[in-house]
N, C-alpha and C. Protein backbone atom coordinates (compact mmCIF):
# COMPACT_ATOMS: atom_id res chain seq x y z
N UNK A 1 109.61 90.13 113.29
CA UNK A 1 110.40 91.23 113.55
C UNK A 1 111.69 91.14 113.15
N UNK A 2 112.28 89.81 113.15
CA UNK A 2 113.55 89.56 112.75
C UNK A 2 113.91 89.84 111.21
N UNK A 3 112.73 89.92 110.35
CA UNK A 3 113.00 90.22 108.91
C UNK A 3 112.95 91.57 108.95
N UNK A 4 112.15 92.55 109.63
CA UNK A 4 112.05 93.73 109.52
C UNK A 4 113.54 94.36 110.25
N UNK A 5 113.81 93.87 111.06
CA UNK A 5 115.25 94.32 111.76
C UNK A 5 116.42 94.01 110.75
N UNK A 6 116.49 92.93 110.09
CA UNK A 6 117.37 92.60 109.13
C UNK A 6 117.51 93.65 108.08
N UNK A 7 116.29 93.75 107.67
CA UNK A 7 115.94 94.78 106.48
C UNK A 7 116.64 96.13 106.81
N UNK A 8 116.10 96.64 108.17
CA UNK A 8 116.30 97.88 108.71
C UNK A 8 118.03 98.13 108.55
N UNK A 9 118.70 96.99 108.82
CA UNK A 9 120.15 96.81 109.06
C UNK A 9 120.78 97.14 107.76
N UNK A 10 120.24 96.33 106.78
CA UNK A 10 120.49 96.37 105.51
C UNK A 10 120.50 97.97 104.84
N UNK A 11 119.24 98.50 105.14
CA UNK A 11 118.85 99.87 104.87
C UNK A 11 119.89 100.59 105.06
N UNK A 12 120.24 100.57 106.51
CA UNK A 12 121.03 101.56 107.09
C UNK A 12 122.63 101.39 106.61
N UNK A 13 123.01 100.30 106.06
CA UNK A 13 124.22 100.27 105.54
C UNK A 13 124.43 100.48 104.05
N UNK A 14 123.47 100.39 103.62
CA UNK A 14 123.46 100.72 101.86
C UNK A 14 122.63 102.07 101.25
N UNK A 15 122.08 102.43 102.53
CA UNK A 15 121.38 103.87 101.87
C UNK A 15 119.89 103.49 101.21
N UNK A 16 119.56 102.42 101.21
CA UNK A 16 118.20 101.86 100.50
C UNK A 16 117.28 102.36 101.73
N UNK A 17 116.07 102.63 101.22
CA UNK A 17 114.96 102.92 102.23
C UNK A 17 113.94 102.19 101.96
N UNK A 18 113.03 101.97 102.66
CA UNK A 18 111.69 101.50 102.69
C UNK A 18 110.87 101.90 101.56
N UNK A 19 111.07 103.13 101.35
CA UNK A 19 110.29 104.17 100.30
C UNK A 19 110.61 103.63 99.02
N UNK A 20 111.68 102.96 98.75
CA UNK A 20 112.20 102.79 97.51
C UNK A 20 111.67 101.26 96.86
N UNK A 21 111.01 100.51 97.86
CA UNK A 21 110.41 99.24 97.59
C UNK A 21 109.16 99.36 97.02
N UNK A 22 108.84 98.60 95.99
CA UNK A 22 107.59 98.71 95.20
C UNK A 22 106.61 97.48 95.41
N UNK A 23 106.77 97.03 96.89
CA UNK A 23 105.72 95.88 97.38
C UNK A 23 104.55 96.11 97.28
N UNK A 24 104.17 97.49 97.82
CA UNK A 24 102.69 97.91 98.27
C UNK A 24 102.66 97.70 99.68
N UNK A 25 101.76 98.00 100.17
CA UNK A 25 101.55 98.02 101.74
C UNK A 25 100.71 97.16 102.41
N UNK A 26 99.68 96.54 101.45
CA UNK A 26 98.82 95.55 101.92
C UNK A 26 99.43 94.48 102.60
N UNK A 27 98.48 93.88 103.57
CA UNK A 27 98.39 92.73 104.20
C UNK A 27 99.17 92.86 105.45
N UNK A 28 98.71 92.44 106.58
CA UNK A 28 99.59 92.06 107.94
C UNK A 28 100.53 91.13 107.86
N UNK A 29 101.67 91.10 108.63
CA UNK A 29 102.47 89.92 108.66
C UNK A 29 101.81 88.65 108.86
N UNK A 30 102.31 87.54 108.31
CA UNK A 30 101.78 86.22 108.44
C UNK A 30 101.84 85.69 109.78
N UNK A 31 102.97 86.12 110.65
CA UNK A 31 102.99 85.81 112.10
C UNK A 31 102.07 86.37 112.71
N UNK A 32 101.06 85.42 113.38
CA UNK A 32 99.96 85.94 114.11
C UNK A 32 100.38 86.82 115.26
N UNK A 33 101.48 86.50 116.22
CA UNK A 33 101.64 87.33 117.13
C UNK A 33 102.16 88.76 116.81
N UNK A 34 102.85 88.79 115.63
CA UNK A 34 103.52 90.26 115.02
C UNK A 34 102.26 90.82 114.50
N UNK A 35 101.21 90.37 113.84
CA UNK A 35 99.92 90.96 113.31
C UNK A 35 99.28 91.48 114.37
N UNK A 36 99.05 90.81 115.46
CA UNK A 36 98.33 91.04 116.59
C UNK A 36 98.83 92.43 117.24
N UNK A 37 100.12 92.39 117.45
CA UNK A 37 100.99 93.57 118.18
C UNK A 37 100.75 94.81 117.47
N UNK A 38 100.83 94.62 116.07
CA UNK A 38 100.83 95.86 115.30
C UNK A 38 99.39 96.42 115.16
N UNK A 39 98.37 95.37 115.16
CA UNK A 39 97.01 96.06 115.16
C UNK A 39 96.63 96.53 116.57
N UNK A 40 97.13 95.88 117.71
CA UNK A 40 97.13 96.71 118.92
C UNK A 40 97.74 97.82 119.17
N UNK A 41 98.89 98.04 118.35
CA UNK A 41 99.46 99.34 118.48
C UNK A 41 99.09 100.36 117.49
N UNK A 42 98.19 99.89 116.79
CA UNK A 42 98.20 100.71 115.71
C UNK A 42 98.98 100.97 114.65
N UNK A 43 100.14 100.44 114.44
CA UNK A 43 101.40 100.37 113.56
C UNK A 43 100.59 99.71 112.22
N UNK A 44 100.68 100.58 111.06
CA UNK A 44 100.64 100.08 109.54
C UNK A 44 101.70 99.32 109.44
N UNK A 45 101.57 98.26 108.40
CA UNK A 45 102.62 97.24 108.25
C UNK A 45 103.62 97.93 107.25
N UNK A 46 103.15 98.80 106.24
CA UNK A 46 104.41 99.40 105.44
C UNK A 46 105.03 98.29 104.53
N UNK A 47 105.89 98.93 103.54
CA UNK A 47 106.45 98.14 102.64
C UNK A 47 107.48 97.15 103.17
N UNK A 48 107.87 97.48 104.09
CA UNK A 48 109.08 96.59 104.96
C UNK A 48 108.66 95.19 105.47
N UNK A 49 107.17 95.40 105.98
CA UNK A 49 106.48 94.06 106.50
C UNK A 49 106.09 93.45 105.23
N UNK A 50 105.86 93.73 104.11
CA UNK A 50 105.25 93.01 102.85
C UNK A 50 106.21 91.69 102.74
N UNK A 51 105.49 90.53 102.60
CA UNK A 51 106.36 89.04 102.56
C UNK A 51 107.35 89.47 101.29
N UNK A 52 107.55 90.08 100.57
CA UNK A 52 108.21 89.95 99.42
C UNK A 52 109.29 91.01 99.67
N UNK A 53 109.18 91.92 100.78
CA UNK A 53 110.34 92.97 100.71
C UNK A 53 111.75 92.41 100.86
N UNK A 54 111.94 91.38 101.16
CA UNK A 54 113.34 91.04 101.19
C UNK A 54 114.02 90.73 99.80
N UNK A 55 113.35 90.33 98.96
CA UNK A 55 113.61 89.78 97.31
C UNK A 55 113.46 91.34 96.87
N UNK A 56 112.73 92.27 97.04
CA UNK A 56 112.48 93.59 96.62
C UNK A 56 114.07 94.33 96.85
N UNK A 57 114.61 94.02 98.14
CA UNK A 57 115.56 94.77 98.69
C UNK A 57 116.79 94.12 97.79
N UNK A 58 116.67 92.96 97.65
CA UNK A 58 117.97 92.46 97.11
C UNK A 58 118.06 92.78 95.64
N UNK A 59 116.80 93.30 94.84
CA UNK A 59 116.80 93.88 93.80
C UNK A 59 117.47 95.05 93.54
N UNK A 60 117.09 95.89 94.70
CA UNK A 60 117.75 97.00 94.61
C UNK A 60 119.19 97.22 94.92
N UNK A 61 119.87 96.25 95.81
CA UNK A 61 121.07 96.17 96.21
C UNK A 61 121.66 95.74 95.02
N UNK A 62 121.22 94.84 94.31
CA UNK A 62 121.86 94.34 92.86
C UNK A 62 122.10 95.82 91.85
N UNK A 63 121.21 96.38 91.90
CA UNK A 63 120.95 97.67 91.26
C UNK A 63 122.18 98.45 91.58
N UNK A 64 122.05 98.70 93.04
CA UNK A 64 123.35 99.60 93.37
C UNK A 64 124.74 98.91 93.14
N UNK A 65 124.75 97.84 93.29
CA UNK A 65 125.98 96.94 93.06
C UNK A 65 126.68 97.40 91.79
N UNK A 66 125.79 97.14 90.88
CA UNK A 66 126.20 97.42 89.58
C UNK A 66 126.42 98.85 88.78
N UNK A 67 125.65 99.44 89.70
CA UNK A 67 125.52 101.05 89.27
C UNK A 67 124.19 101.32 88.22
N UNK A 68 123.40 100.36 88.37
CA UNK A 68 122.06 100.60 87.45
C UNK A 68 121.40 101.44 88.21
N UNK A 69 119.99 101.93 87.62
CA UNK A 69 119.25 102.91 88.25
C UNK A 69 118.35 101.94 89.04
N UNK A 70 117.94 102.54 90.33
CA UNK A 70 117.04 101.91 90.99
C UNK A 70 115.36 102.12 90.47
N UNK A 71 115.54 103.00 89.89
CA UNK A 71 114.02 103.35 89.09
C UNK A 71 113.49 102.08 88.47
N UNK A 72 112.18 101.64 88.83
CA UNK A 72 111.51 100.50 88.15
C UNK A 72 112.17 99.56 88.16
N UNK A 73 113.05 98.93 88.83
CA UNK A 73 113.72 97.75 89.08
C UNK A 73 113.15 96.38 88.92
N UNK A 74 111.58 96.88 89.10
CA UNK A 74 110.54 95.56 88.88
C UNK A 74 110.11 95.18 87.48
N UNK A 75 110.40 96.13 86.43
CA UNK A 75 110.15 95.92 85.09
C UNK A 75 111.12 94.75 84.55
N UNK A 76 110.45 94.06 83.70
CA UNK A 76 110.71 93.12 83.05
C UNK A 76 112.17 93.34 82.21
N UNK A 77 112.19 94.46 81.84
CA UNK A 77 113.48 94.95 80.77
C UNK A 77 114.80 95.31 81.58
N UNK A 78 114.43 95.81 83.03
CA UNK A 78 115.37 96.28 83.87
C UNK A 78 116.41 95.52 83.97
N UNK A 79 117.79 96.08 84.02
CA UNK A 79 118.96 95.20 84.23
C UNK A 79 118.92 94.37 85.34
N UNK A 80 118.18 94.46 86.44
CA UNK A 80 118.08 93.56 87.57
C UNK A 80 117.23 92.53 87.18
N UNK A 81 116.41 92.56 86.50
CA UNK A 81 115.39 91.55 86.04
C UNK A 81 116.01 90.71 85.00
N UNK A 82 116.82 91.41 84.10
CA UNK A 82 117.47 90.78 83.12
C UNK A 82 118.58 89.74 83.56
N UNK A 83 119.22 90.38 84.56
CA UNK A 83 120.09 89.44 85.48
C UNK A 83 119.71 88.13 86.05
N UNK A 84 118.66 88.65 86.88
CA UNK A 84 117.78 87.67 87.56
C UNK A 84 117.42 86.25 86.84
N UNK A 85 117.04 86.80 85.59
CA UNK A 85 116.36 85.88 84.69
C UNK A 85 117.58 84.98 84.28
N UNK A 86 118.76 85.57 83.99
CA UNK A 86 119.93 84.91 83.55
C UNK A 86 120.37 83.99 84.40
N UNK A 87 120.41 84.29 85.90
CA UNK A 87 121.03 83.54 86.84
C UNK A 87 119.72 82.33 87.25
N UNK A 88 118.67 82.63 87.18
CA UNK A 88 117.59 81.43 87.49
C UNK A 88 117.43 80.60 86.25
N UNK A 89 117.66 81.07 85.27
CA UNK A 89 117.66 80.01 83.86
C UNK A 89 118.81 79.23 83.94
N UNK A 90 119.97 79.79 84.26
CA UNK A 90 120.92 79.07 84.52
C UNK A 90 120.97 77.70 85.56
N UNK A 91 120.39 78.43 86.65
CA UNK A 91 120.18 77.39 87.88
C UNK A 91 119.06 76.35 87.55
N UNK A 92 118.41 76.59 86.72
CA UNK A 92 117.37 75.45 86.21
C UNK A 92 117.75 74.73 85.14
N UNK A 93 118.95 75.08 84.53
CA UNK A 93 119.41 74.44 83.18
C UNK A 93 118.40 74.48 82.05
N UNK A 94 117.87 75.68 82.04
CA UNK A 94 116.89 76.00 80.85
C UNK A 94 117.47 77.47 80.10
N UNK A 95 117.22 77.66 78.90
CA UNK A 95 117.58 78.88 78.18
C UNK A 95 116.88 80.11 78.66
N UNK A 96 117.26 81.09 78.93
CA UNK A 96 116.62 82.27 79.67
C UNK A 96 115.48 82.75 78.54
N UNK A 97 115.81 82.59 77.20
CA UNK A 97 114.98 83.02 76.06
C UNK A 97 113.80 82.10 76.07
N UNK A 98 113.91 80.95 76.75
CA UNK A 98 112.60 80.10 76.70
C UNK A 98 111.69 80.18 78.07
N UNK A 99 112.36 80.92 78.89
CA UNK A 99 111.57 81.10 80.19
C UNK A 99 109.95 81.70 79.84
N UNK A 100 109.03 80.96 80.59
CA UNK A 100 107.63 81.40 80.58
C UNK A 100 107.77 82.42 81.78
N UNK A 101 107.18 83.79 81.66
CA UNK A 101 107.23 84.60 82.59
C UNK A 101 105.74 85.20 83.22
N UNK A 102 105.46 85.58 84.35
CA UNK A 102 104.22 86.17 84.62
C UNK A 102 104.71 86.99 85.87
N UNK A 103 103.67 87.76 86.28
CA UNK A 103 103.96 88.65 87.51
C UNK A 103 103.51 88.06 88.61
N UNK A 104 104.17 88.10 89.66
CA UNK A 104 103.72 87.70 90.77
C UNK A 104 102.92 88.63 91.66
N UNK A 105 102.68 88.29 92.68
CA UNK A 105 101.58 89.24 93.51
C UNK A 105 101.97 90.74 93.96
N UNK A 106 103.27 90.69 93.94
CA UNK A 106 103.90 92.27 93.84
C UNK A 106 104.64 92.89 92.95
N UNK A 107 104.41 92.23 91.61
CA UNK A 107 104.60 93.03 90.56
C UNK A 107 105.96 92.70 90.03
N UNK A 108 106.64 91.59 90.47
CA UNK A 108 108.09 91.24 89.94
C UNK A 108 107.67 90.29 88.90
N UNK A 109 108.58 89.94 87.92
CA UNK A 109 108.38 88.84 87.08
C UNK A 109 108.80 87.41 87.95
N UNK A 110 107.86 86.41 87.69
CA UNK A 110 108.08 85.33 88.08
C UNK A 110 108.01 84.30 86.94
N UNK A 111 108.50 83.08 87.03
CA UNK A 111 109.04 82.13 86.03
C UNK A 111 108.10 80.72 86.40
N UNK A 112 107.67 80.14 85.40
CA UNK A 112 107.19 78.91 85.11
C UNK A 112 108.14 78.01 84.64
N UNK A 113 108.42 76.50 85.09
CA UNK A 113 109.41 75.86 84.69
C UNK A 113 108.68 74.36 84.51
N UNK A 114 109.24 73.44 83.76
CA UNK A 114 108.75 72.19 83.51
C UNK A 114 109.24 71.56 84.86
N UNK A 115 108.58 70.26 85.29
CA UNK A 115 108.71 69.66 86.64
C UNK A 115 110.36 69.13 86.72
N UNK A 116 110.71 68.70 85.41
CA UNK A 116 111.81 68.09 85.46
C UNK A 116 113.01 69.32 85.35
N UNK A 117 112.89 70.61 85.10
CA UNK A 117 113.59 71.56 85.55
C UNK A 117 113.59 71.90 87.25
N UNK A 118 112.70 71.84 87.58
CA UNK A 118 112.56 72.24 89.11
C UNK A 118 113.22 71.20 89.96
N UNK A 119 113.04 69.67 89.40
CA UNK A 119 113.85 68.70 89.95
C UNK A 119 115.28 68.88 90.09
N UNK A 120 115.72 69.40 88.76
CA UNK A 120 117.32 69.56 88.68
C UNK A 120 117.72 70.73 89.33
N UNK A 121 116.96 71.78 89.42
CA UNK A 121 117.22 73.04 90.58
C UNK A 121 117.38 72.64 91.66
N UNK A 122 116.48 71.74 92.36
CA UNK A 122 116.49 71.43 93.82
C UNK A 122 117.99 70.44 93.80
N UNK A 123 118.08 69.50 93.01
CA UNK A 123 119.32 68.85 93.21
C UNK A 123 120.63 69.67 93.08
N UNK A 124 120.51 70.55 92.42
CA UNK A 124 121.58 71.46 92.15
C UNK A 124 121.73 72.36 93.77
N UNK A 125 120.63 72.75 94.43
CA UNK A 125 120.70 73.28 95.38
C UNK A 125 121.16 72.57 96.67
N UNK A 126 120.68 71.14 96.54
CA UNK A 126 121.14 70.23 97.51
C UNK A 126 122.81 70.02 97.45
N UNK A 127 123.37 69.84 96.35
CA UNK A 127 124.55 69.54 96.24
C UNK A 127 125.13 70.17 94.92
N UNK A 128 125.38 71.66 94.99
CA UNK A 128 125.88 72.23 93.98
C UNK A 128 127.36 71.81 93.61
N UNK A 129 128.15 71.16 94.34
CA UNK A 129 129.45 70.84 93.89
C UNK A 129 129.48 69.75 92.82
N UNK A 130 128.32 69.25 92.82
CA UNK A 130 128.10 67.87 91.84
C UNK A 130 128.14 68.30 90.57
N UNK A 131 127.93 69.40 90.03
CA UNK A 131 127.83 69.68 88.76
C UNK A 131 129.22 69.65 88.16
N UNK A 132 129.10 69.23 86.54
CA UNK A 132 130.66 68.84 85.90
C UNK A 132 130.94 70.25 85.69
N UNK A 133 132.13 70.45 85.33
CA UNK A 133 132.92 71.72 85.19
C UNK A 133 132.24 72.26 83.76
N UNK A 134 131.77 71.45 82.80
CA UNK A 134 131.13 72.21 81.46
C UNK A 134 129.93 72.28 81.63
N UNK A 135 129.34 72.00 82.60
CA UNK A 135 127.78 72.64 83.01
C UNK A 135 127.72 74.07 83.23
N UNK A 136 126.62 74.59 82.60
CA UNK A 136 126.50 76.05 82.40
C UNK A 136 126.25 76.38 84.01
N UNK A 137 125.92 75.63 84.95
CA UNK A 137 125.58 75.98 86.21
C UNK A 137 126.94 75.96 87.26
N UNK A 138 128.02 75.48 86.84
CA UNK A 138 129.18 75.25 87.26
C UNK A 138 129.63 76.70 88.09
N UNK A 139 129.73 77.72 87.37
CA UNK A 139 130.10 79.11 87.74
C UNK A 139 129.26 79.60 89.07
N UNK A 140 128.17 78.71 89.29
CA UNK A 140 127.16 79.42 90.08
C UNK A 140 127.36 78.43 91.40
N UNK A 141 128.05 77.48 91.33
CA UNK A 141 127.86 76.34 92.49
C UNK A 141 128.22 76.90 93.95
N UNK A 142 129.28 77.89 93.74
CA UNK A 142 129.71 78.46 95.03
C UNK A 142 128.60 79.61 95.90
N UNK A 143 127.91 80.21 94.81
CA UNK A 143 126.98 81.05 95.50
C UNK A 143 125.86 79.89 96.01
N UNK A 144 125.49 78.98 95.38
CA UNK A 144 124.34 78.40 95.58
C UNK A 144 124.52 77.44 96.85
N UNK A 145 125.87 77.09 97.15
CA UNK A 145 126.15 76.54 98.60
C UNK A 145 126.09 77.46 99.40
N UNK A 146 126.15 78.72 99.15
CA UNK A 146 126.17 79.71 100.46
C UNK A 146 124.74 79.89 100.82
N UNK A 147 123.87 80.03 99.59
CA UNK A 147 122.69 80.02 99.82
C UNK A 147 121.80 78.72 100.57
N UNK A 148 122.33 77.72 100.38
CA UNK A 148 122.10 76.30 100.84
C UNK A 148 122.28 76.26 102.14
N UNK A 149 123.49 76.73 102.63
CA UNK A 149 123.89 76.59 103.82
C UNK A 149 123.38 77.84 104.68
N UNK A 150 122.84 78.74 104.24
CA UNK A 150 121.92 79.65 105.04
C UNK A 150 120.60 79.44 105.32
N UNK A 151 120.19 78.15 104.75
CA UNK A 151 119.02 77.74 104.87
C UNK A 151 118.66 77.01 106.34
């Protein structure tokens, strides 16, 4: 329920709504107590309870921040996906043009990486300040530190 309350607060502050999420509605929450309560109360899970709703909301917020259309934010050529692909590629130390993509279970592009790139990305997450100033990831260090510290 913390996940849902957090998203609801974000939606209230930003004008984004659950109806804008392209996650689908299938599946009960993974938390057994929450799933049992929803079943007992007859509440349908809805998009907001989908396990991917947080990052779908992030794509919508990114679109809003940049003034991009929210429609079809999940498509590979939408500005949100282009921006995400660039940041992910930089974080993993690979060229965005060389990323191998597929669709995850909720329709958003996801990426495949060589094991070496995954190790490099985790090392960057663990210690973002360790990258050299000439490293393509250097400009992301502050943001990555915020993410790391929130975990």
